[in-house]
Amino acid sequence: MLPYLERINQLTGTLQRSKLPPSELARFLYSETFQELEPTMIMFCELSNEGMVHISASCGLPEEYLNRVQDFPVNLHVPTNDALRNHKLVWLSDDEESLRLDYPDFPKFAGANKWGTLVVFPTFQSSIGSGAISLTTNLILTPTPELEVFFWTIANLTSLNQQNSKTERVNPKVQSVPAKQAMSSLTSRQLLILKYISEGYTNAEIASFLSYSHSTIRQETIRIFLHLKVDNREDAASIYAKFGDGLD
């Protein structure tokens, strides 16, 4: 798990320093975050209100292939649409029978690159829409709890980056009504975590208090930030201080 944690910390530090547009984030994930997995392609997709899926950024895709499939209907039976519609992680090997049975439209998208494993994971699910990341690797990867946590953490960090890139950061003193509504949408566990954040505790300390893993607290913290439309603990704590009474 150690290399994955190092890559997560590297991505977290990069996104804390600056928000990356999709094209730069795709290149960073391809060349840095997923380096050990030997990626052959990465593709960012977004679902429009018209039911079309648009490839907003990619790395490793030939231009002629990208021009051919840059926009496609969400009702096609392909792994990307499965992840988008059902908000789940899709994991396939190139020689799996299920690739042909479950995704009959997938051959229309073949021919970009040879790959050993295809992983598709949904990213943001919020007011800014729905998205997914498709990754192919040279390696034939076996699903493990560590890898799944790794992919979901990258999905959450990417969601947070996209949220911050597409919406203005909430000022809790000015946008009180949206902030109050966002607070009421948090789960009881998220409210408790936010309470501890407002009291100055670290994720490691909160994990110890609640008997959860550090990874669980990290991912819940990212989800809290997404709901509140903030990108740091101080602003989250400020919102809790104003609207948290009686909610937890």
C-alpha atoms as a PDB file:
ATOM      1  CA  MET A   1       0.000   0.000   0.000  1.00  0.00           C
ATOM      2  CA  LEU A   2       2.953   2.329   0.601  1.00  0.00           C
ATOM      3  CA  PRO A   3       3.536   3.373  -3.059  1.00  0.00           C
ATOM      4  CA  TYR A   4      -0.173   4.167  -3.377  1.00  0.00           C
ATOM      5  CA  LEU A   5      -0.119   6.325  -0.249  1.00  0.00           C
ATOM      6  CA  GLU A   6       2.914   8.169  -1.560  1.00  0.00           C
ATOM      7  CA  ARG A   7       1.123   8.830  -4.867  1.00  0.00           C
ATOM      8  CA  ILE A   8      -2.006  10.020  -3.042  1.00  0.00           C
ATOM      9  CA  ASN A   9       0.061  12.387  -0.895  1.00  0.00           C
ATOM     10  CA  GLN A  10       1.864  13.654  -4.001  1.00  0.00           C
ATOM     11  CA  LEU A  11      -1.443  14.368  -5.788  1.00  0.00           C
ATOM     12  CA  THR A  12      -2.938  15.967  -2.677  1.00  0.00           C
ATOM     13  CA  GLY A  13       0.035  18.291  -2.333  1.00  0.00           C
ATOM     14  CA  THR A  14      -0.107  19.254  -6.009  1.00  0.00           C
ATOM     15  CA  LEU A  15      -3.831  20.064  -5.880  1.00  0.00           C
ATOM     16  CA  GLN A  16      -3.393  22.049  -2.670  1.00  0.00           C
ATOM     17  CA  ARG A  17      -0.856  24.275  -4.416  1.00  0.00           C
ATOM     18  CA  SER A  18      -2.971  24.905  -7.514  1.00  0.00           C
ATOM     19  CA  LYS A  19      -6.167  23.778  -9.189  1.00  0.00           C
ATOM     20  CA  LEU A  20      -5.379  21.849 -12.369  1.00  0.00           C
ATOM     21  CA  PRO A  21      -7.521  22.040 -15.516  1.00  0.00           C
ATOM     22  CA  PRO A  22      -8.604  18.624 -16.823  1.00  0.00           C
ATOM     23  CA  SER A  23      -5.887  18.410 -19.481  1.00  0.00           C
ATOM     24  CA  GLU A  24      -3.082  19.049 -16.963  1.00  0.00           C
ATOM     25  CA  LEU A  25      -4.635  16.760 -14.371  1.00  0.00           C
ATOM     26  CA  ALA A  26      -4.907  13.948 -16.934  1.00  0.00           C
ATOM     27  CA  ARG A  27      -1.209  14.323 -17.792  1.00  0.00           C
ATOM     28  CA  PHE A  28      -0.249  14.370 -14.111  1.00  0.00           C
ATOM     29  CA  LEU A  29      -2.242  11.223 -13.319  1.00  0.00           C
ATOM     30  CA  TYR A  30      -0.808   9.485 -16.396  1.00  0.00           C
ATOM     31  CA  SER A  31       2.832  10.376 -15.791  1.00  0.00           C
ATOM     32  CA  GLU A  32       2.953  10.493 -11.979  1.00  0.00           C
ATOM     33  CA  THR A  33       0.030   9.098  -9.975  1.00  0.00           C
ATOM     34  CA  PHE A  34      -0.484   5.904 -11.988  1.00  0.00           C
ATOM     35  CA  GLN A  35       3.154   5.464 -12.985  1.00  0.00           C
ATOM     36  CA  GLU A  36       3.617   2.079 -11.246  1.00  0.00           C
ATOM     37  CA  LEU A  37       0.573   0.676 -13.062  1.00  0.00           C
ATOM     38  CA  GLU A  38       2.172   1.276 -16.508  1.00  0.00           C
ATOM     39  CA  PRO A  39      -0.732   3.268 -17.994  1.00  0.00           C
ATOM     40  CA  THR A  40      -1.348   3.230 -21.743  1.00  0.00           C
ATOM     41  CA  MET A  41      -4.261   5.676 -21.750  1.00  0.00           C
ATOM     42  CA  ILE A  42      -6.293   7.916 -19.455  1.00  0.00           C
ATOM     43  CA  MET A  43      -9.532   9.604 -20.407  1.00  0.00           C
ATOM     44  CA  PHE A  44     -11.751  12.110 -18.556  1.00  0.00           C
ATOM     45  CA  CYS A  45     -15.456  11.959 -19.474  1.00  0.00           C
ATOM     46  CA  GLU A  46     -18.372  14.201 -18.520  1.00  0.00           C
ATOM     47  CA  LEU A  47     -22.104  13.546 -18.892  1.00  0.00           C
ATOM     48  CA  SER A  48     -24.104  16.413 -20.388  1.00  0.00           C
ATOM     49  CA  ASN A  49     -27.750  17.284 -19.728  1.00  0.00           C
ATOM     50  CA  GLU A  50     -28.523  16.089 -23.260  1.00  0.00           C
ATOM     51  CA  GLY A  51     -27.487  12.527 -22.439  1.00  0.00           C
ATOM     52  CA  MET A  52     -24.179  12.687 -24.288  1.00  0.00           C
ATOM     53  CA  VAL A  53     -20.814  11.715 -22.850  1.00  0.00           C
ATOM     54  CA  HIS A  54     -17.965  14.044 -23.798  1.00  0.00           C
ATOM     55  CA  ILE A  55     -14.249  13.262 -23.517  1.00  0.00           C
ATOM     56  CA  SER A  56     -12.993  16.460 -21.900  1.00  0.00           C
ATOM     57  CA  ALA A  57      -9.320  15.467 -21.562  1.00  0.00           C
ATOM     58  CA  SER A  58      -7.057  12.535 -22.310  1.00  0.00           C
ATOM     59  CA  CYS A  59      -3.481  11.334 -22.404  1.00  0.00           C
ATOM     60  CA  GLY A  60      -2.168   8.488 -24.551  1.00  0.00           C
ATOM     61  CA  LEU A  61      -5.078   8.561 -27.032  1.00  0.00           C
ATOM     62  CA  PRO A  62      -4.235   8.953 -30.739  1.00  0.00           C
ATOM     63  CA  GLU A  63      -5.802  12.110 -32.164  1.00  0.00           C
ATOM     64  CA  GLU A  64      -7.661  10.268 -34.920  1.00  0.00           C
ATOM     65  CA  TYR A  65      -9.246   7.955 -32.343  1.00  0.00           C
ATOM     66  CA  LEU A  66     -10.217  10.878 -30.123  1.00  0.00           C
ATOM     67  CA  ASN A  67     -11.860  12.669 -33.041  1.00  0.00           C
ATOM     68  CA  ARG A  68     -13.918   9.556 -33.786  1.00  0.00           C
ATOM     69  CA  VAL A  69     -15.288   8.930 -30.277  1.00  0.00           C
ATOM     70  CA  GLN A  70     -15.093  12.288 -28.489  1.00  0.00           C
ATOM     71  CA  ASP A  71     -18.877  12.422 -27.992  1.00  0.00           C
ATOM     72  CA  PHE A  72     -21.133   9.379 -27.608  1.00  0.00           C
ATOM     73  CA  PRO A  73     -24.620   8.606 -26.165  1.00  0.00           C
ATOM     74  CA  VAL A  74     -24.839   7.543 -22.538  1.00  0.00           C
ATOM     75  CA  ASN A  75     -27.141   4.648 -23.484  1.00  0.00           C
ATOM     76  CA  LEU A  76     -24.362   2.781 -25.307  1.00  0.00           C
ATOM     77  CA  HIS A  77     -23.324  -0.432 -23.545  1.00  0.00           C
ATOM     78  CA  VAL A  78     -19.714   0.477 -22.724  1.00  0.00           C
ATOM     79  CA  PRO A  79     -17.771   0.437 -19.425  1.00  0.00           C
ATOM     80  CA  THR A  80     -17.609   4.240 -19.115  1.00  0.00           C
ATOM     81  CA  ASN A  81     -21.395   4.547 -19.257  1.00  0.00           C
ATOM     82  CA  ASP A  82     -21.794   1.720 -16.751  1.00  0.00           C
ATOM     83  CA  ALA A  83     -19.611   3.596 -14.256  1.00  0.00           C
ATOM     84  CA  LEU A  84     -21.447   6.866 -14.925  1.00  0.00           C
ATOM     85  CA  ARG A  85     -24.979   5.502 -14.675  1.00  0.00           C
ATOM     86  CA  ASN A  86     -24.440   3.223 -11.694  1.00  0.00           C
ATOM     87  CA  HIS A  87     -21.701   5.157  -9.875  1.00  0.00           C
ATOM     88  CA  LYS A  88     -19.507   2.101  -9.533  1.00  0.00           C
ATOM     89  CA  LEU A  89     -15.956   1.029 -10.252  1.00  0.00           C
ATOM     90  CA  VAL A  90     -15.684  -1.074 -13.431  1.00  0.00           C
ATOM     91  CA  TRP A  91     -12.695  -3.420 -13.686  1.00  0.00           C
ATOM     92  CA  LEU A  92     -12.001  -5.520 -16.800  1.00  0.00           C
ATOM     93  CA  SER A  93      -9.223  -7.498 -18.460  1.00  0.00           C
ATOM     94  CA  ASP A  94      -8.792  -7.458 -22.221  1.00  0.00           C
ATOM     95  CA  ASP A  95      -9.545 -11.169 -22.601  1.00  0.00           C
ATOM     96  CA  GLU A  96     -12.584 -11.347 -20.324  1.00  0.00           C
ATOM     97  CA  GLU A  97     -15.719 -12.900 -21.800  1.00  0.00           C
ATOM     98  CA  SER A  98     -17.810 -10.358 -19.892  1.00  0.00           C
ATOM     99  CA  LEU A  99     -16.288  -7.605 -22.027  1.00  0.00           C
ATOM    100  CA  ARG A 100     -18.170  -8.961 -25.033  1.00  0.00           C
ATOM    101  CA  LEU A 101     -21.298 -10.059 -23.178  1.00  0.00           C
ATOM    102  CA  ASP A 102     -21.840  -7.076 -20.872  1.00  0.00           C
ATOM    103  CA  TYR A 103     -20.642  -4.361 -23.235  1.00  0.00           C
ATOM    104  CA  PRO A 104     -21.694  -5.251 -26.797  1.00  0.00           C
ATOM    105  CA  ASP A 105     -21.023  -1.703 -28.032  1.00  0.00           C
ATOM    106  CA  PHE A 106     -17.432  -1.726 -26.775  1.00  0.00           C
ATOM    107  CA  PRO A 107     -15.891  -3.000 -30.057  1.00  0.00           C
ATOM    108  CA  LYS A 108     -16.869   0.348 -31.616  1.00  0.00           C
ATOM    109  CA  PHE A 109     -14.310   1.920 -29.293  1.00  0.00           C
ATOM    110  CA  ALA A 110     -11.555  -0.631 -29.811  1.00  0.00           C
ATOM    111  CA  GLY A 111      -8.326   0.085 -31.626  1.00  0.00           C
ATOM    112  CA  ALA A 112      -6.861   2.950 -29.609  1.00  0.00           C
ATOM    113  CA  ASN A 113      -4.242   1.033 -27.628  1.00  0.00           C
ATOM    114  CA  LYS A 114      -3.442  -2.488 -26.504  1.00  0.00           C
ATOM    115  CA  TRP A 115      -4.065  -2.925 -22.812  1.00  0.00           C
ATOM    116  CA  GLY A 116      -4.051  -5.517 -20.067  1.00  0.00           C
ATOM    117  CA  THR A 117      -6.559  -3.956 -17.658  1.00  0.00           C
ATOM    118  CA  LEU A 118      -9.297  -1.345 -17.994  1.00  0.00           C
ATOM    119  CA  VAL A 119     -10.501   0.461 -14.879  1.00  0.00           C
ATOM    120  CA  VAL A 120     -13.274   3.060 -14.965  1.00  0.00           C
ATOM    121  CA  PHE A 121     -14.255   4.972 -11.848  1.00  0.00           C
ATOM    122  CA  PRO A 122     -16.835   7.747 -11.408  1.00  0.00           C
ATOM    123  CA  THR A 123     -15.694  11.139 -10.204  1.00  0.00           C
ATOM    124  CA  PHE A 124     -17.872  14.102  -9.290  1.00  0.00           C
ATOM    125  CA  GLN A 125     -21.576  13.521  -8.549  1.00  0.00           C
ATOM    126  CA  SER A 126     -22.904  16.930  -7.576  1.00  0.00           C
ATOM    127  CA  SER A 127     -24.435  20.132  -8.875  1.00  0.00           C
ATOM    128  CA  ILE A 128     -21.680  20.389 -11.485  1.00  0.00           C
ATOM    129  CA  GLY A 129     -22.679  17.073 -13.061  1.00  0.00           C
ATOM    130  CA  SER A 130     -21.325  13.544 -13.403  1.00  0.00           C
ATOM    131  CA  GLY A 131     -17.937  12.383 -14.614  1.00  0.00           C
ATOM    132  CA  ALA A 132     -15.726   9.329 -14.912  1.00  0.00           C
ATOM    133  CA  ILE A 133     -12.083   8.474 -15.509  1.00  0.00           C
ATOM    134  CA  SER A 134     -11.099   5.564 -17.780  1.00  0.00           C
ATOM    135  CA  LEU A 135      -7.624   4.109 -17.330  1.00  0.00           C
ATOM    136  CA  THR A 136      -5.936   1.342 -19.306  1.00  0.00           C
ATOM    137  CA  THR A 137      -2.680  -0.271 -18.204  1.00  0.00           C
ATOM    138  CA  ASN A 138      -0.096  -2.603 -19.671  1.00  0.00           C
ATOM    139  CA  LEU A 139      -0.276  -4.692 -16.523  1.00  0.00           C
ATOM    140  CA  ILE A 140      -2.986  -7.239 -15.836  1.00  0.00           C
ATOM    141  CA  LEU A 141      -4.143  -5.988 -12.447  1.00  0.00           C
ATOM    142  CA  THR A 142      -5.941  -8.132  -9.906  1.00  0.00           C
ATOM    143  CA  PRO A 143      -8.573  -6.246  -7.893  1.00  0.00           C
ATOM    144  CA  THR A 144      -7.462  -5.831  -4.284  1.00  0.00           C
ATOM    145  CA  PRO A 145      -8.899  -3.767  -1.409  1.00  0.00           C
ATOM    146  CA  GLU A 146      -5.780  -1.570  -1.505  1.00  0.00           C
ATOM    147  CA  LEU A 147      -6.102  -0.814  -5.218  1.00  0.00           C
ATOM    148  CA  GLU A 148      -9.824  -0.130  -4.937  1.00  0.00           C
ATOM    149  CA  VAL A 149      -9.245   2.329  -2.076  1.00  0.00           C
ATOM    150  CA  PHE A 150      -6.497   3.918  -4.174  1.00  0.00           C
ATOM    151  CA  PHE A 151      -8.817   4.433  -7.156  1.00  0.00           C
ATOM    152  CA  TRP A 152     -11.691   5.755  -5.045  1.00  0.00           C
ATOM    153  CA  THR A 153      -9.360   8.188  -3.283  1.00  0.00           C
ATOM    154  CA  ILE A 154      -8.095   9.470  -6.642  1.00  0.00           C
ATOM    155  CA  ALA A 155     -11.732   9.791  -7.743  1.00  0.00           C
ATOM    156  CA  ASN A 156     -12.552  11.895  -4.678  1.00  0.00           C
ATOM    157  CA  LEU A 157      -9.492  14.115  -5.062  1.00  0.00           C
ATOM    158  CA  THR A 158     -10.292  14.610  -8.753  1.00  0.00           C
ATOM    159  CA  SER A 159     -13.892  15.457  -7.847  1.00  0.00           C
ATOM    160  CA  LEU A 160     -12.717  18.070  -5.390  1.00  0.00           C
ATOM    161  CA  ASN A 161     -10.398  19.606  -7.972  1.00  0.00           C
ATOM    162  CA  GLN A 162     -13.199  19.699 -10.574  1.00  0.00           C
ATOM    163  CA  GLN A 163     -15.636  21.176  -8.069  1.00  0.00           C
ATOM    164  CA  ASN A 164     -13.214  23.941  -7.164  1.00  0.00           C
ATOM    165  CA  SER A 165     -12.411  24.618 -10.821  1.00  0.00           C
ATOM    166  CA  LYS A 166     -16.069  24.981 -11.852  1.00  0.00           C
ATOM    167  CA  THR A 167     -17.575  26.792  -8.886  1.00  0.00           C
ATOM    168  CA  GLU A 168     -16.467  29.704  -6.767  1.00  0.00           C
ATOM    169  CA  ARG A 169     -15.269  28.867  -3.314  1.00  0.00           C
ATOM    170  CA  VAL A 170     -17.949  29.489  -0.712  1.00  0.00           C
ATOM    171  CA  ASN A 171     -17.482  32.466   1.572  1.00  0.00           C
ATOM    172  CA  PRO A 172     -19.430  31.395   4.670  1.00  0.00           C
ATOM    173  CA  LYS A 173     -20.078  35.022   5.649  1.00  0.00           C
ATOM    174  CA  VAL A 174     -21.712  35.887   2.299  1.00  0.00           C
ATOM    175  CA  GLN A 175     -23.318  32.671   1.017  1.00  0.00           C
ATOM    176  CA  SER A 176     -25.011  31.583   4.236  1.00  0.00           C
ATOM    177  CA  VAL A 177     -28.123  30.006   2.748  1.00  0.00           C
ATOM    178  CA  PRO A 178     -26.303  27.545   0.397  1.00  0.00           C
ATOM    179  CA  ALA A 179     -23.853  26.713   3.182  1.00  0.00           C
ATOM    180  CA  LYS A 180     -26.680  25.991   5.629  1.00  0.00           C
ATOM    181  CA  GLN A 181     -28.407  23.762   3.068  1.00  0.00           C
ATOM    182  CA  ALA A 182     -25.158  21.908   2.418  1.00  0.00           C
ATOM    183  CA  MET A 183     -24.715  21.298   6.152  1.00  0.00           C
ATOM    184  CA  SER A 184     -28.154  19.676   6.386  1.00  0.00           C
ATOM    185  CA  SER A 185     -27.214  17.230   3.597  1.00  0.00           C
ATOM    186  CA  LEU A 186     -24.260  15.757   5.520  1.00  0.00           C
ATOM    187  CA  THR A 187     -24.572  12.337   7.134  1.00  0.00           C
ATOM    188  CA  SER A 188     -24.361  11.966  10.905  1.00  0.00           C
ATOM    189  CA  ARG A 189     -20.854  10.529  10.555  1.00  0.00           C
ATOM    190  CA  GLN A 190     -19.761  13.426   8.355  1.00  0.00           C
ATOM    191  CA  LEU A 191     -21.193  15.926  10.833  1.00  0.00           C
ATOM    192  CA  LEU A 192     -19.260  14.284  13.649  1.00  0.00           C
ATOM    193  CA  ILE A 193     -16.056  14.356  11.615  1.00  0.00           C
ATOM    194  CA  LEU A 194     -16.700  18.004  10.757  1.00  0.00           C
ATOM    195  CA  LYS A 195     -17.203  18.755  14.453  1.00  0.00           C
ATOM    196  CA  TYR A 196     -13.794  17.270  15.240  1.00  0.00           C
ATOM    197  CA  ILE A 197     -12.260  19.194  12.316  1.00  0.00           C
ATOM    198  CA  SER A 198     -13.705  22.418  13.747  1.00  0.00           C
ATOM    199  CA  GLU A 199     -12.044  21.567  17.074  1.00  0.00           C
ATOM    200  CA  GLY A 200      -8.659  21.332  15.382  1.00  0.00           C
ATOM    201  CA  TYR A 201      -8.121  17.577  15.353  1.00  0.00           C
ATOM    202  CA  THR A 202      -6.166  15.877  12.559  1.00  0.00           C
ATOM    203  CA  ASN A 203      -7.523  13.053  10.399  1.00  0.00           C
ATOM    204  CA  ALA A 204      -5.333  10.576  12.274  1.00  0.00           C
ATOM    205  CA  GLU A 205      -6.733  11.720  15.621  1.00  0.00           C
ATOM    206  CA  ILE A 206     -10.317  11.581  14.336  1.00  0.00           C
ATOM    207  CA  ALA A 207      -9.717   8.069  12.995  1.00  0.00           C
ATOM    208  CA  SER A 208      -8.539   7.022  16.449  1.00  0.00           C
ATOM    209  CA  PHE A 209     -11.543   8.618  18.194  1.00  0.00           C
ATOM    210  CA  LEU A 210     -14.086   6.962  15.897  1.00  0.00           C
ATOM    211  CA  SER A 211     -12.261   3.639  15.357  1.00  0.00           C
ATOM    212  CA  TYR A 212     -12.134   4.096  11.585  1.00  0.00           C
ATOM    213  CA  SER A 213      -9.165   3.783   9.259  1.00  0.00           C
ATOM    214  CA  HIS A 214      -7.212   6.891   8.318  1.00  0.00           C
ATOM    215  CA  SER A 215      -8.255   6.297   4.682  1.00  0.00           C
ATOM    216  CA  THR A 216     -11.961   6.344   5.623  1.00  0.00           C
ATOM    217  CA  ILE A 217     -11.619   9.654   7.443  1.00  0.00           C
ATOM    218  CA  ARG A 218      -9.610  11.127   4.562  1.00  0.00           C
ATOM    219  CA  GLN A 219     -12.292  10.170   2.028  1.00  0.00           C
ATOM    220  CA  GLU A 220     -15.124  11.418   4.235  1.00  0.00           C
ATOM    221  CA  THR A 221     -13.274  14.711   4.683  1.00  0.00           C
ATOM    222  CA  ILE A 222     -13.030  15.089   0.903  1.00  0.00           C
ATOM    223  CA  ARG A 223     -16.776  14.401   0.592  1.00  0.00           C
ATOM    224  CA  ILE A 224     -17.481  17.035   3.268  1.00  0.00           C
ATOM    225  CA  PHE A 225     -15.417  19.575   1.335  1.00  0.00           C
ATOM    226  CA  LEU A 226     -17.361  18.739  -1.829  1.00  0.00           C
ATOM    227  CA  HIS A 227     -20.715  19.248  -0.096  1.00  0.00           C
ATOM    228  CA  LEU A 228     -19.650  22.535   1.473  1.00  0.00           C
ATOM    229  CA  LYS A 229     -17.765  23.727  -1.659  1.00  0.00           C
ATOM    230  CA  VAL A 230     -14.607  24.509   0.296  1.00  0.00           C
ATOM    231  CA  ASP A 231     -11.043  23.297  -0.155  1.00  0.00           C
ATOM    232  CA  ASN A 232      -9.549  23.611   3.327  1.00  0.00           C
ATOM    233  CA  ARG A 233     -10.283  22.729   6.943  1.00  0.00           C
ATOM    234  CA  GLU A 234     -10.460  26.343   8.116  1.00  0.00           C
ATOM    235  CA  ASP A 235     -13.408  27.244   5.857  1.00  0.00           C
ATOM    236  CA  ALA A 236     -15.165  23.985   6.707  1.00  0.00           C
ATOM    237  CA  ALA A 237     -14.729  24.725  10.410  1.00  0.00           C
ATOM    238  CA  SER A 238     -16.057  28.266   9.906  1.00  0.00           C
ATOM    239  CA  ILE A 239     -19.242  26.919   8.311  1.00  0.00           C
ATOM    240  CA  TYR A 240     -19.685  24.409  11.130  1.00  0.00           C
ATOM    241  CA  ALA A 241     -19.229  27.116  13.749  1.00  0.00           C
ATOM    242  CA  LYS A 242     -22.036  29.136  12.143  1.00  0.00           C
ATOM    243  CA  PHE A 243     -24.542  26.399  11.305  1.00  0.00           C
ATOM    244  CA  GLY A 244     -23.507  23.285  13.253  1.00  0.00           C
ATOM    245  CA  ASP A 245     -25.498  23.782  16.439  1.00  0.00           C
ATOM    246  CA  GLY A 246     -28.258  21.194  16.730  1.00  0.00           C
ATOM    247  CA  LEU A 247     -27.266  19.247  13.613  1.00  0.00           C
ATOM    248  CA  ASP A 248     -25.014  16.685  15.239  1.00  0.00           C
END
